[in-house]
Full PDB file with SEQRES, HELIX, SHEET, SSBOND, CRYST1, ORIGX, SCALE, CONECT and MASTER records, all heavy atoms in Angstrom:
SEQRES   1 A   34  LYS LEU PRO ASP SER ILE SER ASP LEU LYS HIS LEU ARG          
SEQRES   2 A   34  TYR LEU ASP LEU CYS HIS ILE ASN ILE ILE THR LEU PRO          
SEQRES   3 A   34  GLU THR THR THR SER LEU CYS ASN                              
HELIX    1 AA1 ASP A    4  ASP A    8  5                                   5    
HELIX    2 AA2 GLU A   27  SER A   31  5                                   5    
CRYST1    1.000    1.000    1.000  90.00  90.00  90.00 P 1           1          
ORIGX1      1.000000  0.000000  0.000000        0.00000                         
ORIGX2      0.000000  1.000000  0.000000        0.00000                         
ORIGX3      0.000000  0.000000  1.000000        0.00000                         
SCALE1      1.000000  0.000000  0.000000        0.00000                         
SCALE2      0.000000  1.000000  0.000000        0.00000                         
SCALE3      0.000000  0.000000  1.000000        0.00000                         
ATOM      1  N   LYS A   1    -105.010-133.303  13.706  1.00  0.00           N  
ATOM      2  CA  LYS A   1    -105.307-132.734  15.015  1.00  0.00           C  
ATOM      3  C   LYS A   1    -106.770-132.327  15.065  1.00  0.00           C  
ATOM      4  O   LYS A   1    -107.303-131.781  14.100  1.00  0.00           O  
ATOM      5  CB  LYS A   1    -104.416-131.515  15.265  1.00  0.00           C  
ATOM      6  CG  LYS A   1    -104.561-130.927  16.625  1.00  0.00           C  
ATOM      7  CD  LYS A   1    -103.600-129.774  16.847  1.00  0.00           C  
ATOM      8  CE  LYS A   1    -103.802-129.230  18.247  1.00  0.00           C  
ATOM      9  NZ  LYS A   1    -102.990-128.082  18.534  1.00  0.00           N  
ATOM     10  N   LEU A   2    -107.403-132.609  16.199  1.00  0.00           N  
ATOM     11  CA  LEU A   2    -108.765-132.146  16.425  1.00  0.00           C  
ATOM     12  C   LEU A   2    -108.699-130.845  17.218  1.00  0.00           C  
ATOM     13  O   LEU A   2    -107.847-130.695  18.087  1.00  0.00           O  
ATOM     14  CB  LEU A   2    -109.565-133.180  17.220  1.00  0.00           C  
ATOM     15  CG  LEU A   2    -109.915-134.466  16.504  1.00  0.00           C  
ATOM     16  CD1 LEU A   2    -110.623-135.414  17.464  1.00  0.00           C  
ATOM     17  CD2 LEU A   2    -110.819-134.191  15.321  1.00  0.00           C  
ATOM     18  N   PRO A   3    -109.629-129.947  16.972  1.00  0.00           N  
ATOM     19  CA  PRO A   3    -109.607-128.695  17.729  1.00  0.00           C  
ATOM     20  C   PRO A   3    -110.111-128.903  19.158  1.00  0.00           C  
ATOM     21  O   PRO A   3    -110.933-129.782  19.419  1.00  0.00           O  
ATOM     22  CB  PRO A   3    -110.569-127.801  16.937  1.00  0.00           C  
ATOM     23  CG  PRO A   3    -111.543-128.759  16.337  1.00  0.00           C  
ATOM     24  CD  PRO A   3    -110.732-129.990  16.012  1.00  0.00           C  
ATOM     25  N   ASP A   4    -109.621-128.085  20.066  1.00  0.00           N  
ATOM     26  CA  ASP A   4    -110.105-128.140  21.444  1.00  0.00           C  
ATOM     27  C   ASP A   4    -111.587-127.806  21.519  1.00  0.00           C  
ATOM     28  O   ASP A   4    -112.278-128.237  22.441  1.00  0.00           O  
ATOM     29  CB  ASP A   4    -109.319-127.170  22.322  1.00  0.00           C  
ATOM     30  CG  ASP A   4    -107.909-127.668  22.587  1.00  0.00           C  
ATOM     31  OD1 ASP A   4    -107.684-128.899  22.499  1.00  0.00           O  
ATOM     32  OD2 ASP A   4    -107.033-126.834  22.879  1.00  0.00           O  
ATOM     33  N   SER A   5    -112.078-127.073  20.542  1.00  0.00           N  
ATOM     34  CA  SER A   5    -113.488-126.668  20.537  1.00  0.00           C  
ATOM     35  C   SER A   5    -114.446-127.839  20.371  1.00  0.00           C  
ATOM     36  O   SER A   5    -115.656-127.663  20.483  1.00  0.00           O  
ATOM     37  CB  SER A   5    -113.734-125.628  19.443  1.00  0.00           C  
ATOM     38  OG  SER A   5    -113.480-126.189  18.166  1.00  0.00           O  
ATOM     39  N   ILE A   6    -113.914-129.036  20.131  1.00  0.00           N  
ATOM     40  CA  ILE A   6    -114.793-130.207  20.037  1.00  0.00           C  
ATOM     41  C   ILE A   6    -115.566-130.389  21.338  1.00  0.00           C  
ATOM     42  O   ILE A   6    -116.656-130.937  21.368  1.00  0.00           O  
ATOM     43  CB  ILE A   6    -114.010-131.475  19.642  1.00  0.00           C  
ATOM     44  CG1 ILE A   6    -114.978-132.547  19.145  1.00  0.00           C  
ATOM     45  CG2 ILE A   6    -113.145-131.984  20.789  1.00  0.00           C  
ATOM     46  CD1 ILE A   6    -114.364-133.610  18.311  1.00  0.00           C  
ATOM     47  N   SER A   7    -115.019-129.870  22.425  1.00  0.00           N  
ATOM     48  CA  SER A   7    -115.681-129.973  23.726  1.00  0.00           C  
ATOM     49  C   SER A   7    -116.989-129.192  23.781  1.00  0.00           C  
ATOM     50  O   SER A   7    -117.816-129.415  24.659  1.00  0.00           O  
ATOM     51  CB  SER A   7    -114.755-129.480  24.837  1.00  0.00           C  
ATOM     52  OG  SER A   7    -114.488-128.104  24.655  1.00  0.00           O  
ATOM     53  N   ASP A   8    -117.205-128.277  22.839  1.00  0.00           N  
ATOM     54  CA  ASP A   8    -118.443-127.500  22.805  1.00  0.00           C  
ATOM     55  C   ASP A   8    -119.629-128.313  22.295  1.00  0.00           C  
ATOM     56  O   ASP A   8    -120.770-127.867  22.396  1.00  0.00           O  
ATOM     57  CB  ASP A   8    -118.276-126.259  21.926  1.00  0.00           C  
ATOM     58  CG  ASP A   8    -117.275-125.277  22.493  1.00  0.00           C  
ATOM     59  OD1 ASP A   8    -117.066-125.279  23.729  1.00  0.00           O  
ATOM     60  OD2 ASP A   8    -116.692-124.508  21.709  1.00  0.00           O  
ATOM     61  N   LEU A   9    -119.363-129.486  21.761  1.00  0.00           N  
ATOM     62  CA  LEU A   9    -120.432-130.330  21.211  1.00  0.00           C  
ATOM     63  C   LEU A   9    -121.015-131.201  22.329  1.00  0.00           C  
ATOM     64  O   LEU A   9    -120.890-132.424  22.331  1.00  0.00           O  
ATOM     65  CB  LEU A   9    -119.890-131.188  20.069  1.00  0.00           C  
ATOM     66  CG  LEU A   9    -119.262-130.410  18.919  1.00  0.00           C  
ATOM     67  CD1 LEU A   9    -118.663-131.358  17.889  1.00  0.00           C  
ATOM     68  CD2 LEU A   9    -120.283-129.488  18.267  1.00  0.00           C  
ATOM     69  N   LYS A  10    -121.666-130.563  23.273  1.00  0.00           N  
ATOM     70  CA  LYS A  10    -122.156-131.225  24.492  1.00  0.00           C  
ATOM     71  C   LYS A  10    -123.189-132.319  24.224  1.00  0.00           C  
ATOM     72  O   LYS A  10    -123.379-133.199  25.037  1.00  0.00           O  
ATOM     73  CB  LYS A  10    -122.746-130.202  25.456  1.00  0.00           C  
ATOM     74  CG  LYS A  10    -121.763-129.159  25.918  1.00  0.00           C  
ATOM     75  CD  LYS A  10    -120.684-129.776  26.770  1.00  0.00           C  
ATOM     76  CE  LYS A  10    -119.747-128.696  27.276  1.00  0.00           C  
ATOM     77  NZ  LYS A  10    -118.517-129.204  27.790  1.00  0.00           N  
ATOM     78  N   HIS A  11    -123.868-132.264  23.098  1.00  0.00           N  
ATOM     79  CA  HIS A  11    -124.908-133.247  22.783  1.00  0.00           C  
ATOM     80  C   HIS A  11    -124.385-134.422  21.962  1.00  0.00           C  
ATOM     81  O   HIS A  11    -125.145-135.330  21.632  1.00  0.00           O  
ATOM     82  CB  HIS A  11    -126.059-132.570  22.036  1.00  0.00           C  
ATOM     83  CG  HIS A  11    -126.711-131.492  22.832  1.00  0.00           C  
ATOM     84  ND1 HIS A  11    -127.585-131.753  23.855  1.00  0.00           N  
ATOM     85  CD2 HIS A  11    -126.590-130.146  22.768  1.00  0.00           C  
ATOM     86  CE1 HIS A  11    -127.992-130.619  24.383  1.00  0.00           C  
ATOM     87  NE2 HIS A  11    -127.392-129.622  23.747  1.00  0.00           N  
ATOM     88  N   LEU A  12    -123.106-134.395  21.629  1.00  0.00           N  
ATOM     89  CA  LEU A  12    -122.521-135.424  20.769  1.00  0.00           C  
ATOM     90  C   LEU A  12    -122.640-136.797  21.409  1.00  0.00           C  
ATOM     91  O   LEU A  12    -122.278-136.995  22.570  1.00  0.00           O  
ATOM     92  CB  LEU A  12    -121.053-135.096  20.485  1.00  0.00           C  
ATOM     93  CG  LEU A  12    -120.426-135.816  19.301  1.00  0.00           C  
ATOM     94  CD1 LEU A  12    -121.097-135.403  17.998  1.00  0.00           C  
ATOM     95  CD2 LEU A  12    -118.938-135.513  19.231  1.00  0.00           C  
ATOM     96  N   ARG A  13    -123.180-137.761  20.638  1.00  0.00           N  
ATOM     97  CA  ARG A  13    -123.345-139.133  21.123  1.00  0.00           C  
ATOM     98  C   ARG A  13    -122.405-140.111  20.410  1.00  0.00           C  
ATOM     99  O   ARG A  13    -122.046-141.126  20.948  1.00  0.00           O  
ATOM    100  CB  ARG A  13    -124.778-139.618  20.880  1.00  0.00           C  
ATOM    101  CG  ARG A  13    -125.871-138.771  21.467  1.00  0.00           C  
ATOM    102  CD  ARG A  13    -126.006-139.004  22.965  1.00  0.00           C  
ATOM    103  NE  ARG A  13    -127.245-138.516  23.516  1.00  0.00           N  
ATOM    104  CZ  ARG A  13    -127.465-137.271  23.903  1.00  0.00           C  
ATOM    105  NH1 ARG A  13    -126.538-136.366  23.749  1.00  0.00           N  
ATOM    106  NH2 ARG A  13    -128.611-136.913  24.422  1.00  0.00           N  
ATOM    107  N   TYR A  14    -122.032-139.790  19.169  1.00  0.00           N  
ATOM    108  CA  TYR A  14    -121.304-140.723  18.301  1.00  0.00           C  
ATOM    109  C   TYR A  14    -120.168-139.964  17.622  1.00  0.00           C  
ATOM    110  O   TYR A  14    -120.415-138.993  16.913  1.00  0.00           O  
ATOM    111  CB  TYR A  14    -122.289-141.285  17.267  1.00  0.00           C  
ATOM    112  CG  TYR A  14    -121.734-142.322  16.334  1.00  0.00           C  
ATOM    113  CD1 TYR A  14    -121.902-143.678  16.598  1.00  0.00           C  
ATOM    114  CD2 TYR A  14    -121.075-141.957  15.169  1.00  0.00           C  
ATOM    115  CE1 TYR A  14    -121.418-144.627  15.714  1.00  0.00           C  
ATOM    116  CE2 TYR A  14    -120.584-142.910  14.290  1.00  0.00           C  
ATOM    117  CZ  TYR A  14    -120.764-144.240  14.569  1.00  0.00           C  
ATOM    118  OH  TYR A  14    -120.289-145.181  13.708  1.00  0.00           O  
ATOM    119  N   LEU A  15    -118.947-140.421  17.849  1.00  0.00           N  
ATOM    120  CA  LEU A  15    -117.774-139.772  17.260  1.00  0.00           C  
ATOM    121  C   LEU A  15    -116.944-140.812  16.520  1.00  0.00           C  
ATOM    122  O   LEU A  15    -116.410-141.735  17.132  1.00  0.00           O  
ATOM    123  CB  LEU A  15    -116.936-139.099  18.355  1.00  0.00           C  
ATOM    124  CG  LEU A  15    -115.677-138.367  17.922  1.00  0.00           C  
ATOM    125  CD1 LEU A  15    -115.994-137.244  16.934  1.00  0.00           C  
ATOM    126  CD2 LEU A  15    -114.949-137.809  19.137  1.00  0.00           C  
ATOM    127  N   ASP A  16    -116.850-140.669  15.207  1.00  0.00           N  
ATOM    128  CA  ASP A  16    -116.106-141.599  14.359  1.00  0.00           C  
ATOM    129  C   ASP A  16    -114.843-140.914  13.857  1.00  0.00           C  
ATOM    130  O   ASP A  16    -114.900-139.987  13.057  1.00  0.00           O  
ATOM    131  CB  ASP A  16    -116.979-142.043  13.184  1.00  0.00           C  
ATOM    132  CG  ASP A  16    -116.302-143.060  12.280  1.00  0.00           C  
ATOM    133  OD1 ASP A  16    -115.096-143.348  12.472  1.00  0.00           O  
ATOM    134  OD2 ASP A  16    -116.983-143.555  11.364  1.00  0.00           O  
ATOM    135  N   LEU A  17    -113.707-141.375  14.360  1.00  0.00           N  
ATOM    136  CA  LEU A  17    -112.409-140.835  13.956  1.00  0.00           C  
ATOM    137  C   LEU A  17    -111.553-141.911  13.279  1.00  0.00           C  
ATOM    138  O   LEU A  17    -110.330-141.801  13.249  1.00  0.00           O  
ATOM    139  CB  LEU A  17    -111.679-140.273  15.186  1.00  0.00           C  
ATOM    140  CG  LEU A  17    -112.421-139.188  15.957  1.00  0.00           C  
ATOM    141  CD1 LEU A  17    -111.677-138.837  17.231  1.00  0.00           C  
ATOM    142  CD2 LEU A  17    -112.625-137.964  15.086  1.00  0.00           C  
ATOM    143  N   CYS A  18    -112.189-142.937  12.757  1.00  0.00           N  
ATOM    144  CA  CYS A  18    -111.471-144.061  12.153  1.00  0.00           C  
ATOM    145  C   CYS A  18    -110.570-143.605  11.011  1.00  0.00           C  
ATOM    146  O   CYS A  18    -110.968-142.787  10.171  1.00  0.00           O  
ATOM    147  CB  CYS A  18    -112.459-145.094  11.611  1.00  0.00           C  
ATOM    148  SG  CYS A  18    -113.373-145.962  12.888  1.00  0.00           S  
ATOM    149  N   HIS A  19    -109.368-144.152  11.018  1.00  0.00           N  
ATOM    150  CA  HIS A  19    -108.404-143.970   9.932  1.00  0.00           C  
ATOM    151  C   HIS A  19    -108.032-142.508   9.671  1.00  0.00           C  
ATOM    152  O   HIS A  19    -107.906-142.097   8.515  1.00  0.00           O  
ATOM    153  CB  HIS A  19    -108.915-144.626   8.650  1.00  0.00           C  
ATOM    154  CG  HIS A  19    -109.206-146.077   8.827  1.00  0.00           C  
ATOM    155  ND1 HIS A  19    -108.230-147.036   8.853  1.00  0.00           N  
ATOM    156  CD2 HIS A  19    -110.380-146.734   9.022  1.00  0.00           C  
ATOM    157  CE1 HIS A  19    -108.783-148.221   9.048  1.00  0.00           C  
ATOM    158  NE2 HIS A  19    -110.085-148.070   9.154  1.00  0.00           N  
ATOM    159  N   ILE A  20    -107.873-141.730  10.742  1.00  0.00           N  
ATOM    160  CA  ILE A  20    -107.334-140.386  10.565  1.00  0.00           C  
ATOM    161  C   ILE A  20    -105.940-140.360  11.188  1.00  0.00           C  
ATOM    162  O   ILE A  20    -105.547-141.299  11.877  1.00  0.00           O  
ATOM    163  CB  ILE A  20    -108.250-139.279  11.151  1.00  0.00           C  
ATOM    164  CG1 ILE A  20    -108.375-139.399  12.660  1.00  0.00           C  
ATOM    165  CG2 ILE A  20    -109.616-139.300  10.488  1.00  0.00           C  
ATOM    166  CD1 ILE A  20    -109.090-138.216  13.300  1.00  0.00           C  
ATOM    167  N   ASN A  21    -105.185-139.324  10.960  1.00  0.00           N  
ATOM    168  CA  ASN A  21    -103.768-139.289  11.327  1.00  0.00           C  
ATOM    169  C   ASN A  21    -103.469-138.564  12.637  1.00  0.00           C  
ATOM    170  O   ASN A  21    -102.424-137.952  12.768  1.00  0.00           O  
ATOM    171  CB  ASN A  21    -102.964-138.640  10.192  1.00  0.00           C  
ATOM    172  CG  ASN A  21    -103.055-139.447   8.920  1.00  0.00           C  
ATOM    173  OD1 ASN A  21    -103.174-140.659   8.951  1.00  0.00           O  
ATOM    174  ND2 ASN A  21    -103.014-138.766   7.791  1.00  0.00           N  
ATOM    175  N   ILE A  22    -104.359-138.638  13.602  1.00  0.00           N  
ATOM    176  CA  ILE A  22    -104.112-137.952  14.870  1.00  0.00           C  
ATOM    177  C   ILE A  22    -103.080-138.715  15.698  1.00  0.00           C  
ATOM    178  O   ILE A  22    -102.977-139.932  15.620  1.00  0.00           O  
ATOM    179  CB  ILE A  22    -105.399-137.756  15.690  1.00  0.00           C  
ATOM    180  CG1 ILE A  22    -106.113-139.091  15.940  1.00  0.00           C  
ATOM    181  CG2 ILE A  22    -106.315-136.760  15.038  1.00  0.00           C  
ATOM    182  CD1 ILE A  22    -107.278-138.997  16.874  1.00  0.00           C  
ATOM    183  N   ILE A  23    -102.324-137.977  16.495  1.00  0.00           N  
ATOM    184  CA  ILE A  23    -101.329-138.575  17.392  1.00  0.00           C  
ATOM    185  C   ILE A  23    -101.890-138.658  18.798  1.00  0.00           C  
ATOM    186  O   ILE A  23    -101.674-139.633  19.511  1.00  0.00           O  
ATOM    187  CB  ILE A  23    -100.019-137.755  17.365  1.00  0.00           C  
ATOM    188  CG1 ILE A  23     -99.424-137.824  15.961  1.00  0.00           C  
ATOM    189  CG2 ILE A  23     -99.031-138.255  18.409  1.00  0.00           C  
ATOM    190  CD1 ILE A  23     -98.261-136.889  15.735  1.00  0.00           C  
ATOM    191  N   THR A  24    -102.641-137.640  19.202  1.00  0.00           N  
ATOM    192  CA  THR A  24    -103.330-137.639  20.498  1.00  0.00           C  
ATOM    193  C   THR A  24    -104.709-137.033  20.316  1.00  0.00           C  
ATOM    194  O   THR A  24    -104.944-136.266  19.383  1.00  0.00           O  
ATOM    195  CB  THR A  24    -102.573-136.805  21.564  1.00  0.00           C  
ATOM    196  OG1 THR A  24    -102.508-135.456  21.122  1.00  0.00           O  
ATOM    197  CG2 THR A  24    -101.187-137.334  21.823  1.00  0.00           C  
ATOM    198  N   LEU A  25    -105.590-137.389  21.219  1.00  0.00           N  
ATOM    199  CA  LEU A  25    -106.889-136.734  21.274  1.00  0.00           C  
ATOM    200  C   LEU A  25    -106.762-135.550  22.217  1.00  0.00           C  
ATOM    201  O   LEU A  25    -106.087-135.657  23.237  1.00  0.00           O  
ATOM    202  CB  LEU A  25    -107.951-137.691  21.816  1.00  0.00           C  
ATOM    203  CG  LEU A  25    -108.374-138.832  20.914  1.00  0.00           C  
ATOM    204  CD1 LEU A  25    -109.291-139.789  21.671  1.00  0.00           C  
ATOM    205  CD2 LEU A  25    -109.093-138.298  19.696  1.00  0.00           C  
ATOM    206  N   PRO A  26    -107.415-134.443  21.929  1.00  0.00           N  
ATOM    207  CA  PRO A  26    -107.326-133.320  22.854  1.00  0.00           C  
ATOM    208  C   PRO A  26    -107.937-133.686  24.207  1.00  0.00           C  
ATOM    209  O   PRO A  26    -108.907-134.446  24.273  1.00  0.00           O  
ATOM    210  CB  PRO A  26    -108.127-132.211  22.177  1.00  0.00           C  
ATOM    211  CG  PRO A  26    -108.760-132.793  20.981  1.00  0.00           C  
ATOM    212  CD  PRO A  26    -108.242-134.164  20.768  1.00  0.00           C  
ATOM    213  N   GLU A  27    -107.359-133.173  25.282  1.00  0.00           N  
ATOM    214  CA  GLU A  27    -107.905-133.411  26.624  1.00  0.00           C  
ATOM    215  C   GLU A  27    -109.356-132.965  26.705  1.00  0.00           C  
ATOM    216  O   GLU A  27    -110.146-133.544  27.452  1.00  0.00           O  
ATOM    217  CB  GLU A  27    -107.066-132.687  27.677  1.00  0.00           C  
ATOM    218  CG  GLU A  27    -105.736-133.336  27.962  1.00  0.00           C  
ATOM    219  CD  GLU A  27    -105.825-134.706  28.621  1.00  0.00           C  
ATOM    220  OE1 GLU A  27    -106.763-134.963  29.411  1.00  0.00           O  
ATOM    221  OE2 GLU A  27    -104.946-135.535  28.344  1.00  0.00           O  
ATOM    222  N   THR A  28    -109.725-131.959  25.925  1.00  0.00           N  
ATOM    223  CA  THR A  28    -111.102-131.451  25.963  1.00  0.00           C  
ATOM    224  C   THR A  28    -112.119-132.483  25.473  1.00  0.00           C  
ATOM    225  O   THR A  28    -113.306-132.346  25.748  1.00  0.00           O  
ATOM    226  CB  THR A  28    -111.227-130.169  25.121  1.00  0.00           C  
ATOM    227  OG1 THR A  28    -110.822-130.444  23.782  1.00  0.00           O  
ATOM    228  CG2 THR A  28    -110.387-129.045  25.698  1.00  0.00           C  
ATOM    229  N   THR A  29    -111.660-133.509  24.783  1.00  0.00           N  
ATOM    230  CA  THR A  29    -112.554-134.574  24.326  1.00  0.00           C  
ATOM    231  C   THR A  29    -113.263-135.222  25.513  1.00  0.00           C  
ATOM    232  O   THR A  29    -114.393-135.678  25.394  1.00  0.00           O  
ATOM    233  CB  THR A  29    -111.754-135.653  23.558  1.00  0.00           C  
ATOM    234  OG1 THR A  29    -111.013-135.023  22.533  1.00  0.00           O  
ATOM    235  CG2 THR A  29    -112.666-136.682  22.933  1.00  0.00           C  
ATOM    236  N   THR A  30    -112.612-135.235  26.653  1.00  0.00           N  
ATOM    237  CA  THR A  30    -113.189-135.910  27.820  1.00  0.00           C  
ATOM    238  C   THR A  30    -114.332-135.134  28.454  1.00  0.00           C  
ATOM    239  O   THR A  30    -114.968-135.634  29.381  1.00  0.00           O  
ATOM    240  CB  THR A  30    -112.119-136.201  28.886  1.00  0.00           C  
ATOM    241  OG1 THR A  30    -111.567-134.974  29.339  1.00  0.00           O  
ATOM    242  CG2 THR A  30    -111.029-137.095  28.321  1.00  0.00           C  
ATOM    243  N   SER A  31    -114.630-133.954  27.961  1.00  0.00           N  
ATOM    244  CA  SER A  31    -115.786-133.219  28.481  1.00  0.00           C  
ATOM    245  C   SER A  31    -117.062-133.548  27.699  1.00  0.00           C  
ATOM    246  O   SER A  31    -118.119-132.994  27.976  1.00  0.00           O  
ATOM    247  CB  SER A  31    -115.522-131.720  28.465  1.00  0.00           C  
ATOM    248  OG  SER A  31    -115.424-131.258  27.146  1.00  0.00           O  
ATOM    249  N   LEU A  32    -116.964-134.478  26.753  1.00  0.00           N  
ATOM    250  CA  LEU A  32    -118.139-134.914  25.989  1.00  0.00           C  
ATOM    251  C   LEU A  32    -118.896-135.952  26.812  1.00  0.00           C  
ATOM    252  O   LEU A  32    -118.915-137.146  26.496  1.00  0.00           O  
ATOM    253  CB  LEU A  32    -117.713-135.491  24.638  1.00  0.00           C  
ATOM    254  CG  LEU A  32    -117.004-134.519  23.700  1.00  0.00           C  
ATOM    255  CD1 LEU A  32    -116.446-135.260  22.487  1.00  0.00           C  
ATOM    256  CD2 LEU A  32    -117.941-133.406  23.272  1.00  0.00           C  
ATOM    257  N   CYS A  33    -119.546-135.497  27.876  1.00  0.00           N  
ATOM    258  CA  CYS A  33    -120.128-136.412  28.862  1.00  0.00           C  
ATOM    259  C   CYS A  33    -121.311-137.217  28.319  1.00  0.00           C  
ATOM    260  O   CYS A  33    -121.695-138.216  28.917  1.00  0.00           O  
ATOM    261  CB  CYS A  33    -120.515-135.667  30.123  1.00  0.00           C  
ATOM    262  SG  CYS A  33    -121.686-134.339  29.848  1.00  0.00           S  
ATOM    263  N   ASN A  34    -121.892-136.831  27.191  1.00  0.00           N  
ATOM    264  CA  ASN A  34    -122.996-137.591  26.598  1.00  0.00           C  
ATOM    265  C   ASN A  34    -122.532-138.569  25.528  1.00  0.00           C  
ATOM    266  O   ASN A  34    -123.345-139.301  24.967  1.00  0.00           O  
ATOM    267  CB  ASN A  34    -124.037-136.643  26.008  1.00  0.00           C  
ATOM    268  CG  ASN A  34    -124.777-135.886  27.082  1.00  0.00           C  
ATOM    269  OD1 ASN A  34    -125.278-136.479  28.027  1.00  0.00           O  
ATOM    270  ND2 ASN A  34    -124.813-134.573  26.962  1.00  0.00           N  
TER     271      ASN A  34                                                      
MASTER        0    0    0    2    0    0    0    6  270    1    0    3          
END                                                                             
């Protein structure tokens, strides 16, 4: 599971989640507008 706080990373350009065991991405991921 990823924390909802991932949305605080407003400057994030590149997110690599390859080969991890998540079932869903948090809805807050969609606020990473950059």
